[in-house]
Amino acid sequence: MAYKWQERSSAQEADFMIATIAHLLEDGERAFHGVSSQLPMVAMKLAKAMYTPNLTLLNIPGGVNSKETKLSDYSSASNELWKLSEGTFPLEDIFDLSMRGGLDVAFLSGVQFDMHGHINASVIGDYHKPKVRLPGGAGSAVLIPTVKKAIIWRTKHDLKTFVPKVDFVTTKGNLYKIVTPLALFGVRNGQLVLEGKHPDVTYEALQTQTGFSLDFTQCRDLPLPTAKE
C-alpha cells in the first residue's frame, strides 16, 4: 500500500529530518545552530555521537561541544548548552569566524524559497504594504553569504514555502542544502536540485507540494532513521 505522507506524525517527520541532517555533516567540521533550532541541535549531537567524533558543536548561547542532554523547551538558546561545555565561543565571535572563512556549517531557516536559492524571512506580499511582516534576516543575512555551507531546515514543505519567486530576497549566498520533512535539495549552478526524498512520498505528491517544476532524474530515496539512531 502506498504511504500517505499526510498521515505521518510530527515525531516521524522530526526523526527523518534529524537523521537526514546528521548525515550531511563531516568529521572535523565546525557547525553552528541558532535560536529556535531544536532539530539541527539534536542532529549535530547525533552526528557527533555516531559518525563525526571530531565535529565541533557551536551554539547561540556560546557553548562549545555541550554535553548537556536534559534540555528545556527553549533548549537551542538556553544556558543549558553553555553550562556543560568544553569551552565558550560567544556569538559575536561566530560572525567573525564565518567572515574569516573558518565556519564550515551554519543551520538557518526562512519562510519562502525559490528555485534560484533565494531566501525570504522578511515579508509576505509587497515590502511596503506586506500581508505579513516576518522577523527578518538577523544572523542569516551575514552567515549565509559567508559560511562555507549554509544548511536550511524547514518543517513545512508546501506551495507557500517553495514558490516560483520569493516576495523579498532577505539573503542568498553559500546555500548548500535545504532539508524538509519530504525532501532534500542541493544547489547546482545557482539552481535548487532535488537530490532526495522520503522513501514513502511519491513524486506526484512531492510535485503538488512544490511551487516550481521538479527534476526527478537525480532524486534518490533517503534512508529512514535506524533503530540505533
N, C-alpha and C. Protein backbone atom coordinates (compact mmCIF):
# COMPACT_ATOMS: atom_id res chain seq x y z
N MET A 1 0.85 -1.20 0.00
CA MET A 1 0.00 0.00 0.00
C MET A 1 0.88 1.25 0.00
N ALA A 2 0.54 2.21 -0.81
CA ALA A 2 1.33 3.46 -0.88
C ALA A 2 1.20 4.22 0.44
N TYR A 3 2.30 4.80 0.84
CA TYR A 3 2.33 5.58 2.08
C TYR A 3 1.61 6.90 1.88
N LYS A 4 0.72 7.26 2.79
CA LYS A 4 0.04 8.55 2.74
C LYS A 4 0.81 9.53 3.61
N TRP A 5 1.63 10.36 2.95
CA TRP A 5 2.52 11.23 3.70
C TRP A 5 1.75 12.21 4.57
N GLN A 6 0.49 12.53 4.22
CA GLN A 6 -0.29 13.46 5.04
C GLN A 6 -0.55 12.91 6.43
N GLU A 7 -0.48 11.58 6.59
CA GLU A 7 -0.80 10.94 7.86
C GLU A 7 0.43 10.75 8.75
N ARG A 8 1.58 11.17 8.27
CA ARG A 8 2.81 10.98 9.05
C ARG A 8 2.78 11.91 10.26
N SER A 9 3.22 11.40 11.42
CA SER A 9 3.20 12.20 12.63
C SER A 9 4.36 13.19 12.65
N SER A 10 4.22 14.22 13.47
CA SER A 10 5.28 15.22 13.59
C SER A 10 6.56 14.59 14.15
N ALA A 11 6.41 13.59 15.01
CA ALA A 11 7.59 12.91 15.57
C ALA A 11 8.34 12.15 14.47
N GLN A 12 7.61 11.48 13.58
CA GLN A 12 8.24 10.77 12.47
C GLN A 12 8.95 11.75 11.53
N GLU A 13 8.32 12.88 11.28
CA GLU A 13 8.93 13.89 10.43
C GLU A 13 10.21 14.42 11.05
N ALA A 14 10.17 14.68 12.36
CA ALA A 14 11.36 15.19 13.06
C ALA A 14 12.49 14.18 13.01
N ASP A 15 12.19 12.90 13.26
CA ASP A 15 13.22 11.85 13.22
C ASP A 15 13.86 11.77 11.84
N PHE A 16 13.04 11.83 10.80
CA PHE A 16 13.55 11.76 9.44
C PHE A 16 14.46 12.95 9.14
N MET A 17 14.03 14.14 9.50
CA MET A 17 14.84 15.33 9.24
C MET A 17 16.15 15.31 10.02
N ILE A 18 16.09 14.89 11.28
CA ILE A 18 17.29 14.84 12.12
C ILE A 18 18.32 13.87 11.53
N ALA A 19 17.88 12.68 11.15
CA ALA A 19 18.80 11.71 10.58
C ALA A 19 19.37 12.20 9.26
N THR A 20 18.53 12.82 8.43
CA THR A 20 19.00 13.35 7.14
C THR A 20 20.06 14.42 7.36
N ILE A 21 19.81 15.33 8.29
CA ILE A 21 20.76 16.41 8.59
C ILE A 21 22.06 15.84 9.14
N ALA A 22 21.97 14.87 10.03
CA ALA A 22 23.17 14.31 10.65
C ALA A 22 24.12 13.75 9.60
N HIS A 23 23.59 13.16 8.56
CA HIS A 23 24.44 12.56 7.52
C HIS A 23 25.03 13.61 6.57
N LEU A 24 24.63 14.85 6.69
CA LEU A 24 25.22 15.91 5.88
C LEU A 24 26.49 16.48 6.49
N LEU A 25 26.73 16.19 7.76
CA LEU A 25 27.87 16.75 8.47
C LEU A 25 29.10 15.86 8.29
N GLU A 26 30.27 16.48 8.25
CA GLU A 26 31.52 15.76 8.04
C GLU A 26 32.43 15.91 9.24
N ASP A 27 33.24 14.89 9.46
CA ASP A 27 34.14 14.89 10.61
C ASP A 27 35.15 16.04 10.50
N GLY A 28 35.36 16.71 11.63
CA GLY A 28 36.30 17.82 11.66
C GLY A 28 35.70 19.18 11.37
N GLU A 29 34.43 19.22 10.97
CA GLU A 29 33.80 20.50 10.67
C GLU A 29 33.43 21.26 11.94
N ARG A 30 33.28 22.56 11.79
CA ARG A 30 32.73 23.43 12.83
C ARG A 30 31.32 23.79 12.41
N ALA A 31 30.34 23.40 13.22
CA ALA A 31 28.93 23.60 12.86
C ALA A 31 28.23 24.42 13.93
N PHE A 32 27.40 25.35 13.49
CA PHE A 32 26.70 26.28 14.38
C PHE A 32 25.20 26.23 14.15
N HIS A 33 24.45 26.27 15.26
CA HIS A 33 23.00 26.44 15.15
C HIS A 33 22.57 27.65 15.97
N GLY A 34 21.47 28.25 15.55
CA GLY A 34 20.99 29.45 16.20
C GLY A 34 19.81 29.22 17.11
N VAL A 35 19.00 30.26 17.26
CA VAL A 35 17.85 30.22 18.16
C VAL A 35 16.72 29.41 17.52
N SER A 36 15.89 28.80 18.36
CA SER A 36 14.74 28.01 17.89
C SER A 36 15.16 26.98 16.85
N SER A 37 16.23 26.27 17.14
CA SER A 37 16.81 25.32 16.18
C SER A 37 16.98 23.95 16.82
N GLN A 38 15.89 23.45 17.40
CA GLN A 38 15.98 22.18 18.12
C GLN A 38 16.36 21.02 17.21
N LEU A 39 15.80 20.97 15.98
CA LEU A 39 16.11 19.84 15.10
C LEU A 39 17.58 19.78 14.71
N PRO A 40 18.18 20.87 14.21
CA PRO A 40 19.61 20.79 13.90
C PRO A 40 20.47 20.58 15.13
N MET A 41 20.05 21.10 16.29
CA MET A 41 20.81 20.88 17.51
C MET A 41 20.90 19.38 17.82
N VAL A 42 19.76 18.68 17.75
CA VAL A 42 19.76 17.25 18.01
C VAL A 42 20.54 16.51 16.92
N ALA A 43 20.41 16.95 15.67
CA ALA A 43 21.13 16.31 14.56
C ALA A 43 22.64 16.45 14.74
N MET A 44 23.09 17.61 15.20
CA MET A 44 24.52 17.82 15.44
C MET A 44 25.02 16.87 16.53
N LYS A 45 24.22 16.72 17.59
CA LYS A 45 24.61 15.82 18.68
C LYS A 45 24.61 14.36 18.21
N LEU A 46 23.63 14.01 17.38
CA LEU A 46 23.58 12.65 16.84
C LEU A 46 24.80 12.37 15.97
N ALA A 47 25.14 13.31 15.09
CA ALA A 47 26.29 13.12 14.21
C ALA A 47 27.56 12.94 15.01
N LYS A 48 27.76 13.77 16.02
CA LYS A 48 28.99 13.69 16.83
C LYS A 48 29.05 12.37 17.60
N ALA A 49 27.90 11.91 18.07
CA ALA A 49 27.86 10.67 18.86
C ALA A 49 28.10 9.43 18.00
N MET A 50 27.68 9.47 16.73
CA MET A 50 27.70 8.24 15.94
C MET A 50 28.65 8.27 14.74
N TYR A 51 28.88 9.43 14.13
CA TYR A 51 29.58 9.44 12.84
C TYR A 51 30.77 10.38 12.78
N THR A 52 30.70 11.50 13.46
CA THR A 52 31.72 12.55 13.28
C THR A 52 32.26 12.97 14.65
N PRO A 53 33.09 12.15 15.28
CA PRO A 53 33.54 12.45 16.65
C PRO A 53 34.34 13.74 16.75
N ASN A 54 34.92 14.19 15.65
CA ASN A 54 35.71 15.41 15.68
C ASN A 54 34.94 16.63 15.21
N LEU A 55 33.63 16.50 15.10
CA LEU A 55 32.78 17.64 14.80
C LEU A 55 32.77 18.59 15.99
N THR A 56 32.92 19.89 15.74
CA THR A 56 32.85 20.90 16.80
C THR A 56 31.46 21.52 16.78
N LEU A 57 30.77 21.43 17.91
CA LEU A 57 29.41 21.94 18.03
C LEU A 57 29.43 23.33 18.64
N LEU A 58 28.90 24.30 17.91
CA LEU A 58 28.81 25.68 18.37
C LEU A 58 27.34 26.08 18.42
N ASN A 59 26.99 26.90 19.39
CA ASN A 59 25.59 27.28 19.53
C ASN A 59 25.44 28.74 19.93
N ILE A 60 24.23 29.23 19.87
CA ILE A 60 23.99 30.64 20.10
C ILE A 60 24.25 31.09 21.54
N PRO A 61 24.10 30.25 22.57
CA PRO A 61 24.49 30.71 23.91
C PRO A 61 26.00 30.83 24.10
N GLY A 62 26.78 30.24 23.20
CA GLY A 62 28.23 30.37 23.29
C GLY A 62 28.95 29.15 23.80
N GLY A 63 28.28 28.02 23.91
CA GLY A 63 28.93 26.80 24.36
C GLY A 63 29.64 26.07 23.22
N VAL A 64 30.67 25.32 23.58
CA VAL A 64 31.42 24.52 22.61
C VAL A 64 31.32 23.06 23.04
N ASN A 65 30.78 22.21 22.16
CA ASN A 65 30.64 20.77 22.44
C ASN A 65 29.93 20.52 23.76
N SER A 66 28.75 21.10 23.89
CA SER A 66 27.97 20.90 25.11
C SER A 66 27.62 19.43 25.29
N LYS A 67 27.76 18.96 26.51
CA LYS A 67 27.42 17.58 26.84
C LYS A 67 26.09 17.47 27.57
N GLU A 68 25.38 18.57 27.69
CA GLU A 68 24.08 18.56 28.35
C GLU A 68 23.08 17.75 27.52
N THR A 69 22.32 16.89 28.19
CA THR A 69 21.32 16.08 27.50
C THR A 69 19.90 16.35 28.01
N LYS A 70 19.76 16.96 29.18
CA LYS A 70 18.44 17.31 29.71
C LYS A 70 18.17 18.76 29.35
N LEU A 71 17.34 18.95 28.33
CA LEU A 71 17.16 20.28 27.77
C LEU A 71 15.72 20.76 27.93
N SER A 72 15.58 22.06 28.08
CA SER A 72 14.26 22.65 28.24
C SER A 72 13.59 22.82 26.87
N ASP A 73 12.34 23.29 26.88
CA ASP A 73 11.62 23.52 25.63
C ASP A 73 12.31 24.58 24.77
N TYR A 74 13.03 25.48 25.43
CA TYR A 74 13.72 26.55 24.70
C TYR A 74 15.19 26.21 24.61
N SER A 75 15.47 24.93 24.38
CA SER A 75 16.80 24.40 24.59
C SER A 75 17.86 24.94 23.65
N SER A 76 17.51 25.31 22.44
CA SER A 76 18.56 25.66 21.49
C SER A 76 19.15 27.04 21.75
N ALA A 77 18.62 27.76 22.74
CA ALA A 77 19.18 29.07 23.06
C ALA A 77 19.29 29.31 24.57
N SER A 78 19.22 28.25 25.36
CA SER A 78 19.27 28.41 26.80
C SER A 78 20.68 28.15 27.33
N ASN A 79 20.89 28.55 28.58
CA ASN A 79 22.24 28.39 29.15
C ASN A 79 22.58 26.94 29.45
N GLU A 80 21.64 26.03 29.25
CA GLU A 80 21.94 24.61 29.42
C GLU A 80 22.97 24.15 28.39
N LEU A 81 23.02 24.80 27.26
CA LEU A 81 24.02 24.46 26.24
C LEU A 81 25.36 25.13 26.51
N TRP A 82 25.42 25.90 27.54
CA TRP A 82 26.64 26.61 27.91
C TRP A 82 27.30 25.99 29.13
N LYS A 83 26.47 25.48 30.05
CA LYS A 83 26.99 25.04 31.35
C LYS A 83 27.96 23.87 31.24
N LEU A 84 27.57 22.82 30.55
CA LEU A 84 28.41 21.61 30.45
C LEU A 84 29.13 21.58 29.11
N SER A 85 29.90 22.61 28.83
CA SER A 85 30.62 22.72 27.57
C SER A 85 32.12 22.62 27.80
N GLU A 86 32.82 22.25 26.74
CA GLU A 86 34.29 22.17 26.82
C GLU A 86 34.91 23.55 26.87
N GLY A 87 34.20 24.53 26.35
CA GLY A 87 34.71 25.91 26.33
C GLY A 87 33.60 26.85 25.93
N THR A 88 33.93 28.10 25.75
CA THR A 88 32.96 29.08 25.32
C THR A 88 33.45 29.81 24.08
N PHE A 89 32.50 30.16 23.23
CA PHE A 89 32.80 30.87 22.00
C PHE A 89 31.57 31.74 21.71
N PRO A 90 31.59 33.00 22.12
CA PRO A 90 30.38 33.84 22.07
C PRO A 90 29.92 34.14 20.65
N LEU A 91 28.68 34.58 20.57
CA LEU A 91 28.03 34.78 19.27
C LEU A 91 28.78 35.76 18.38
N GLU A 92 29.29 36.84 18.96
CA GLU A 92 29.99 37.81 18.11
C GLU A 92 31.22 37.19 17.44
N ASP A 93 31.82 36.21 18.11
CA ASP A 93 32.97 35.54 17.51
C ASP A 93 32.55 34.56 16.40
N ILE A 94 31.29 34.05 16.47
CA ILE A 94 30.77 33.20 15.41
C ILE A 94 30.74 33.97 14.09
N PHE A 95 30.22 35.20 14.15
CA PHE A 95 30.15 36.01 12.93
C PHE A 95 31.55 36.34 12.41
N ASP A 96 32.46 36.63 13.31
CA ASP A 96 33.83 36.92 12.91
C ASP A 96 34.47 35.69 12.29
N LEU A 97 34.26 34.53 12.91
CA LEU A 97 34.81 33.27 12.39
C LEU A 97 34.29 33.00 10.98
N SER A 98 32.98 33.21 10.78
CA SER A 98 32.39 32.97 9.47
C SER A 98 32.95 33.92 8.42
N MET A 99 33.08 35.18 8.76
CA MET A 99 33.58 36.15 7.79
C MET A 99 35.06 35.94 7.47
N ARG A 100 35.77 35.25 8.37
CA ARG A 100 37.18 34.90 8.11
C ARG A 100 37.33 33.57 7.38
N GLY A 101 36.20 32.92 7.07
CA GLY A 101 36.24 31.66 6.35
C GLY A 101 36.47 30.45 7.22
N GLY A 102 36.24 30.57 8.53
CA GLY A 102 36.53 29.47 9.44
C GLY A 102 35.33 28.70 9.93
N LEU A 103 34.12 29.10 9.51
CA LEU A 103 32.92 28.38 9.93
C LEU A 103 32.46 27.50 8.78
N ASP A 104 32.37 26.19 9.04
CA ASP A 104 32.06 25.25 7.98
C ASP A 104 30.57 25.15 7.69
N VAL A 105 29.75 25.07 8.75
CA VAL A 105 28.32 24.84 8.57
C VAL A 105 27.54 25.77 9.50
N ALA A 106 26.47 26.35 8.97
CA ALA A 106 25.51 27.08 9.80
C ALA A 106 24.11 26.62 9.45
N PHE A 107 23.32 26.32 10.47
CA PHE A 107 21.93 25.91 10.26
C PHE A 107 21.03 27.12 10.43
N LEU A 108 20.25 27.40 9.39
CA LEU A 108 19.38 28.56 9.38
C LEU A 108 18.06 28.17 8.73
N SER A 109 17.12 29.11 8.69
CA SER A 109 15.84 28.80 8.09
C SER A 109 15.29 30.03 7.39
N GLY A 110 14.03 29.93 6.95
CA GLY A 110 13.36 31.01 6.26
C GLY A 110 11.91 30.63 6.09
N VAL A 111 11.17 31.46 5.39
CA VAL A 111 9.74 31.22 5.21
C VAL A 111 9.40 30.91 3.76
N GLN A 112 10.12 31.52 2.82
CA GLN A 112 9.94 31.25 1.40
C GLN A 112 11.28 30.93 0.75
N PHE A 113 11.24 30.00 -0.22
CA PHE A 113 12.42 29.67 -1.02
C PHE A 113 11.98 29.53 -2.47
N ASP A 114 12.83 29.97 -3.40
CA ASP A 114 12.52 29.75 -4.80
C ASP A 114 13.60 28.91 -5.46
N MET A 115 13.40 28.59 -6.75
CA MET A 115 14.30 27.67 -7.43
C MET A 115 15.70 28.24 -7.62
N HIS A 116 15.87 29.55 -7.41
CA HIS A 116 17.19 30.18 -7.53
C HIS A 116 17.95 30.21 -6.20
N GLY A 117 17.37 29.61 -5.16
CA GLY A 117 18.03 29.58 -3.86
C GLY A 117 17.90 30.86 -3.07
N HIS A 118 16.99 31.73 -3.47
CA HIS A 118 16.73 32.95 -2.70
C HIS A 118 15.92 32.60 -1.45
N ILE A 119 16.20 33.30 -0.37
CA ILE A 119 15.56 33.01 0.92
C ILE A 119 14.85 34.27 1.40
N ASN A 120 13.59 34.12 1.78
CA ASN A 120 12.80 35.23 2.30
C ASN A 120 12.43 34.97 3.75
N ALA A 121 12.84 35.88 4.62
CA ALA A 121 12.43 35.85 6.02
C ALA A 121 11.97 37.24 6.46
N SER A 122 11.55 38.06 5.50
CA SER A 122 11.25 39.46 5.78
C SER A 122 9.77 39.80 5.69
N VAL A 123 9.15 39.55 4.54
CA VAL A 123 7.74 39.93 4.36
C VAL A 123 7.05 38.94 3.44
N ILE A 124 5.73 38.81 3.61
CA ILE A 124 4.88 38.16 2.63
C ILE A 124 4.05 39.26 1.98
N GLY A 125 4.14 39.34 0.65
CA GLY A 125 3.48 40.41 -0.07
C GLY A 125 4.45 41.53 -0.39
N ASP A 126 3.91 42.68 -0.73
CA ASP A 126 4.73 43.84 -1.05
C ASP A 126 5.49 44.33 0.18
N TYR A 127 6.76 44.68 -0.01
CA TYR A 127 7.59 45.06 1.14
C TYR A 127 7.01 46.27 1.88
N HIS A 128 6.47 47.23 1.14
CA HIS A 128 5.99 48.47 1.76
C HIS A 128 4.58 48.33 2.34
N LYS A 129 3.81 47.36 1.82
CA LYS A 129 2.48 47.09 2.36
C LYS A 129 2.31 45.57 2.47
N PRO A 130 3.03 44.95 3.37
CA PRO A 130 3.04 43.48 3.42
C PRO A 130 1.77 42.91 4.04
N LYS A 131 1.46 41.69 3.61
CA LYS A 131 0.40 40.93 4.26
C LYS A 131 0.86 40.47 5.64
N VAL A 132 2.12 40.08 5.70
CA VAL A 132 2.72 39.62 6.96
C VAL A 132 4.13 40.19 7.05
N ARG A 133 4.46 40.77 8.18
CA ARG A 133 5.82 41.22 8.44
C ARG A 133 6.53 40.14 9.25
N LEU A 134 7.61 39.60 8.69
CA LEU A 134 8.33 38.49 9.31
C LEU A 134 9.53 39.00 10.12
N PRO A 135 10.21 38.12 10.86
CA PRO A 135 11.30 38.59 11.75
C PRO A 135 12.46 39.26 11.04
N GLY A 136 12.72 38.89 9.79
CA GLY A 136 13.85 39.50 9.08
C GLY A 136 15.06 38.57 9.06
N GLY A 137 16.13 39.09 8.49
CA GLY A 137 17.30 38.26 8.25
C GLY A 137 18.10 37.91 9.48
N ALA A 138 18.24 38.87 10.40
CA ALA A 138 19.06 38.66 11.59
C ALA A 138 20.41 38.06 11.20
N GLY A 139 20.84 37.01 11.87
CA GLY A 139 22.16 36.45 11.60
C GLY A 139 22.30 35.82 10.23
N SER A 140 21.18 35.39 9.63
CA SER A 140 21.28 34.72 8.33
C SER A 140 21.78 35.64 7.24
N ALA A 141 21.52 36.94 7.37
CA ALA A 141 21.96 37.90 6.36
C ALA A 141 23.49 37.97 6.29
N VAL A 142 24.14 37.66 7.42
CA VAL A 142 25.61 37.63 7.45
C VAL A 142 26.13 36.23 7.20
N LEU A 143 25.51 35.24 7.81
CA LEU A 143 26.08 33.90 7.78
C LEU A 143 25.91 33.20 6.43
N ILE A 144 24.76 33.33 5.79
CA ILE A 144 24.56 32.61 4.53
C ILE A 144 25.55 33.04 3.45
N PRO A 145 25.88 34.33 3.33
CA PRO A 145 26.89 34.70 2.33
C PRO A 145 28.33 34.37 2.73
N THR A 146 28.59 34.08 4.02
CA THR A 146 29.98 33.94 4.46
C THR A 146 30.35 32.54 4.92
N VAL A 147 29.40 31.77 5.48
CA VAL A 147 29.71 30.42 5.93
C VAL A 147 30.03 29.55 4.71
N LYS A 148 30.84 28.53 4.92
CA LYS A 148 31.18 27.64 3.80
C LYS A 148 29.95 26.89 3.28
N LYS A 149 29.12 26.40 4.22
CA LYS A 149 27.93 25.63 3.83
C LYS A 149 26.75 26.05 4.70
N ALA A 150 25.76 26.69 4.11
CA ALA A 150 24.54 27.01 4.83
C ALA A 150 23.53 25.90 4.58
N ILE A 151 23.06 25.27 5.66
CA ILE A 151 22.04 24.24 5.56
C ILE A 151 20.74 24.81 6.11
N ILE A 152 19.74 24.86 5.24
CA ILE A 152 18.44 25.39 5.62
C ILE A 152 17.53 24.24 6.01
N TRP A 153 16.82 24.41 7.11
CA TRP A 153 15.85 23.41 7.52
C TRP A 153 14.49 24.08 7.68
N ARG A 154 13.47 23.39 7.27
CA ARG A 154 12.12 23.93 7.32
C ARG A 154 11.16 22.78 7.57
N THR A 155 10.30 22.90 8.60
CA THR A 155 9.41 21.79 8.96
C THR A 155 8.14 21.76 8.11
N LYS A 156 8.01 22.70 7.18
CA LYS A 156 6.89 22.68 6.25
C LYS A 156 7.43 22.55 4.82
N HIS A 157 6.69 21.83 4.01
CA HIS A 157 7.01 21.73 2.59
C HIS A 157 5.68 21.85 1.85
N ASP A 158 5.37 23.07 1.37
CA ASP A 158 4.10 23.30 0.70
C ASP A 158 4.25 24.43 -0.31
N LEU A 159 3.16 24.77 -0.95
CA LEU A 159 3.18 25.76 -2.03
C LEU A 159 3.44 27.17 -1.53
N LYS A 160 3.23 27.41 -0.24
CA LYS A 160 3.54 28.72 0.33
C LYS A 160 5.02 28.85 0.67
N THR A 161 5.69 27.71 0.84
CA THR A 161 7.10 27.71 1.21
C THR A 161 8.00 27.69 -0.02
N PHE A 162 7.72 26.79 -0.95
CA PHE A 162 8.53 26.68 -2.17
C PHE A 162 7.75 27.34 -3.31
N VAL A 163 8.17 28.55 -3.65
CA VAL A 163 7.42 29.41 -4.56
C VAL A 163 8.24 29.68 -5.83
N PRO A 164 7.57 30.06 -6.93
CA PRO A 164 8.32 30.40 -8.15
C PRO A 164 9.28 31.56 -7.95
N LYS A 165 8.86 32.56 -7.15
CA LYS A 165 9.70 33.71 -6.87
C LYS A 165 9.37 34.23 -5.49
N VAL A 166 10.38 34.37 -4.64
CA VAL A 166 10.13 34.86 -3.28
C VAL A 166 9.63 36.30 -3.34
N ASP A 167 8.84 36.69 -2.36
CA ASP A 167 8.31 38.05 -2.31
C ASP A 167 9.39 39.07 -1.99
N PHE A 168 10.44 38.63 -1.32
CA PHE A 168 11.54 39.52 -0.94
C PHE A 168 12.78 38.67 -0.73
N VAL A 169 13.90 39.11 -1.27
CA VAL A 169 15.16 38.38 -1.08
C VAL A 169 15.84 38.91 0.18
N THR A 170 15.67 38.17 1.26
CA THR A 170 16.33 38.55 2.51
C THR A 170 17.82 38.28 2.44
N THR A 171 18.17 37.12 1.88
CA THR A 171 19.58 36.75 1.78
C THR A 171 19.76 35.66 0.73
N LYS A 172 20.95 35.53 0.25
CA LYS A 172 21.35 34.44 -0.64
C LYS A 172 22.86 34.28 -0.47
N GLY A 173 23.39 33.21 -0.99
CA GLY A 173 24.83 33.03 -0.85
C GLY A 173 25.23 31.58 -0.91
N ASN A 174 25.92 31.12 0.14
CA ASN A 174 26.53 29.78 0.13
C ASN A 174 25.53 28.72 0.60
N LEU A 175 24.40 28.71 -0.06
CA LEU A 175 23.38 27.71 0.26
C LEU A 175 23.88 26.34 -0.19
N TYR A 176 23.87 25.39 0.74
CA TYR A 176 24.38 24.04 0.48
C TYR A 176 23.25 23.04 0.31
N LYS A 177 22.35 22.99 1.29
CA LYS A 177 21.23 22.06 1.25
C LYS A 177 20.00 22.72 1.87
N ILE A 178 18.82 22.22 1.48
CA ILE A 178 17.57 22.52 2.16
C ILE A 178 16.94 21.18 2.54
N VAL A 179 16.61 21.04 3.82
CA VAL A 179 16.02 19.80 4.33
C VAL A 179 14.60 20.09 4.79
N THR A 180 13.64 19.28 4.32
CA THR A 180 12.25 19.38 4.74
C THR A 180 11.76 18.00 5.17
N PRO A 181 10.53 17.89 5.67
CA PRO A 181 10.01 16.57 6.02
C PRO A 181 9.83 15.66 4.81
N LEU A 182 9.80 16.24 3.60
CA LEU A 182 9.57 15.45 2.40
C LEU A 182 10.81 15.23 1.56
N ALA A 183 11.78 16.16 1.62
CA ALA A 183 12.82 16.11 0.59
C ALA A 183 14.12 16.76 1.04
N LEU A 184 15.13 16.52 0.19
CA LEU A 184 16.45 17.14 0.35
C LEU A 184 16.81 17.81 -0.97
N PHE A 185 17.09 19.12 -0.91
CA PHE A 185 17.53 19.87 -2.07
C PHE A 185 19.01 20.21 -1.94
N GLY A 186 19.70 20.19 -3.06
CA GLY A 186 21.05 20.73 -3.16
C GLY A 186 21.02 21.92 -4.10
N VAL A 187 22.18 22.47 -4.39
CA VAL A 187 22.29 23.62 -5.28
C VAL A 187 23.37 23.34 -6.32
N ARG A 188 23.02 23.52 -7.58
CA ARG A 188 23.98 23.39 -8.67
C ARG A 188 23.74 24.51 -9.67
N ASN A 189 24.83 25.21 -10.00
CA ASN A 189 24.76 26.31 -10.97
C ASN A 189 23.69 27.33 -10.61
N GLY A 190 23.59 27.62 -9.31
CA GLY A 190 22.66 28.63 -8.85
C GLY A 190 21.20 28.21 -8.85
N GLN A 191 20.92 26.91 -8.98
CA GLN A 191 19.55 26.41 -9.02
C GLN A 191 19.37 25.31 -7.98
N LEU A 192 18.18 25.27 -7.37
CA LEU A 192 17.87 24.16 -6.48
C LEU A 192 17.72 22.88 -7.29
N VAL A 193 18.30 21.81 -6.77
CA VAL A 193 18.22 20.50 -7.41
C VAL A 193 17.68 19.50 -6.38
N LEU A 194 16.65 18.78 -6.76
CA LEU A 194 16.09 17.77 -5.87
C LEU A 194 17.03 16.57 -5.83
N GLU A 195 17.62 16.32 -4.65
CA GLU A 195 18.59 15.24 -4.51
C GLU A 195 18.01 13.99 -3.85
N GLY A 196 16.99 14.17 -3.02
CA GLY A 196 16.44 13.02 -2.32
C GLY A 196 15.05 13.31 -1.80
N LYS A 197 14.36 12.24 -1.45
CA LYS A 197 13.01 12.37 -0.90
C LYS A 197 12.77 11.29 0.13
N HIS A 198 11.76 11.52 0.96
CA HIS A 198 11.32 10.48 1.88
C HIS A 198 10.88 9.28 1.05
N PRO A 199 11.30 8.07 1.40
CA PRO A 199 11.02 6.90 0.55
C PRO A 199 9.54 6.60 0.36
N ASP A 200 8.68 7.08 1.27
CA ASP A 200 7.26 6.78 1.16
C ASP A 200 6.46 7.93 0.56
N VAL A 201 7.14 8.94 0.06
CA VAL A 201 6.49 10.07 -0.61
C VAL A 201 6.63 9.88 -2.12
N THR A 202 5.53 9.94 -2.84
CA THR A 202 5.57 9.75 -4.28
C THR A 202 6.07 11.02 -4.96
N TYR A 203 6.56 10.85 -6.19
CA TYR A 203 6.96 12.00 -6.99
C TYR A 203 5.78 12.96 -7.20
N GLU A 204 4.63 12.39 -7.43
CA GLU A 204 3.44 13.21 -7.68
C GLU A 204 3.10 14.06 -6.45
N ALA A 205 3.13 13.44 -5.27
CA ALA A 205 2.81 14.17 -4.05
C ALA A 205 3.83 15.27 -3.80
N LEU A 206 5.09 14.98 -4.06
CA LEU A 206 6.14 15.97 -3.85
C LEU A 206 5.97 17.15 -4.80
N GLN A 207 5.64 16.88 -6.05
CA GLN A 207 5.46 17.96 -7.01
C GLN A 207 4.25 18.82 -6.66
N THR A 208 3.18 18.22 -6.17
CA THR A 208 1.99 19.00 -5.83
C THR A 208 2.24 19.92 -4.65
N GLN A 209 3.27 19.65 -3.86
CA GLN A 209 3.59 20.49 -2.70
C GLN A 209 4.68 21.51 -3.00
N THR A 210 5.14 21.58 -4.24
CA THR A 210 6.24 22.46 -4.61
C THR A 210 5.79 23.39 -5.73
N GLY A 211 6.07 24.68 -5.57
CA GLY A 211 5.55 25.70 -6.47
C GLY A 211 6.36 25.92 -7.73
N PHE A 212 7.32 25.07 -8.00
CA PHE A 212 8.05 25.13 -9.26
C PHE A 212 8.35 23.71 -9.73
N SER A 213 8.65 23.57 -10.99
CA SER A 213 8.83 22.24 -11.59
C SER A 213 10.06 21.54 -11.02
N LEU A 214 9.90 20.27 -10.69
CA LEU A 214 10.97 19.47 -10.12
C LEU A 214 11.53 18.50 -11.16
N ASP A 215 12.83 18.33 -11.14
CA ASP A 215 13.51 17.34 -11.97
C ASP A 215 13.85 16.16 -11.08
N PHE A 216 13.28 15.00 -11.36
CA PHE A 216 13.46 13.83 -10.50
C PHE A 216 14.59 12.92 -10.96
N THR A 217 15.31 13.30 -11.99
CA THR A 217 16.32 12.40 -12.56
C THR A 217 17.47 12.14 -11.60
N GLN A 218 17.77 13.08 -10.69
CA GLN A 218 18.87 12.90 -9.75
C GLN A 218 18.38 12.61 -8.33
N CYS A 219 17.08 12.34 -8.21
CA CYS A 219 16.48 12.14 -6.88
C CYS A 219 16.60 10.67 -6.46
N ARG A 220 16.96 10.47 -5.21
CA ARG A 220 17.05 9.13 -4.64
C ARG A 220 16.19 9.06 -3.39
N ASP A 221 15.84 7.87 -2.99
CA ASP A 221 15.13 7.68 -1.72
C ASP A 221 16.13 7.80 -0.58
N LEU A 222 15.83 8.66 0.36
CA LEU A 222 16.69 8.84 1.53
C LEU A 222 16.41 7.75 2.56
N PRO A 223 17.42 7.32 3.30
CA PRO A 223 17.19 6.27 4.30
C PRO A 223 16.39 6.80 5.48
N LEU A 224 15.54 5.95 6.02
CA LEU A 224 14.84 6.28 7.25
C LEU A 224 15.78 6.09 8.42
N PRO A 225 15.51 6.72 9.56
CA PRO A 225 16.39 6.55 10.72
C PRO A 225 16.44 5.08 11.16
N THR A 226 17.64 4.64 11.51
CA THR A 226 17.79 3.28 12.04
C THR A 226 17.36 3.23 13.50
N ALA A 227 17.20 2.04 14.00
CA ALA A 227 16.83 1.88 15.41
C ALA A 227 17.90 2.48 16.33
N LYS A 228 19.16 2.32 15.96
CA LYS A 228 20.25 2.88 16.76
C LYS A 228 20.22 4.40 16.76
N GLU A 229 19.94 4.98 15.59
CA GLU A 229 19.83 6.44 15.53
C GLU A 229 18.69 6.95 16.39
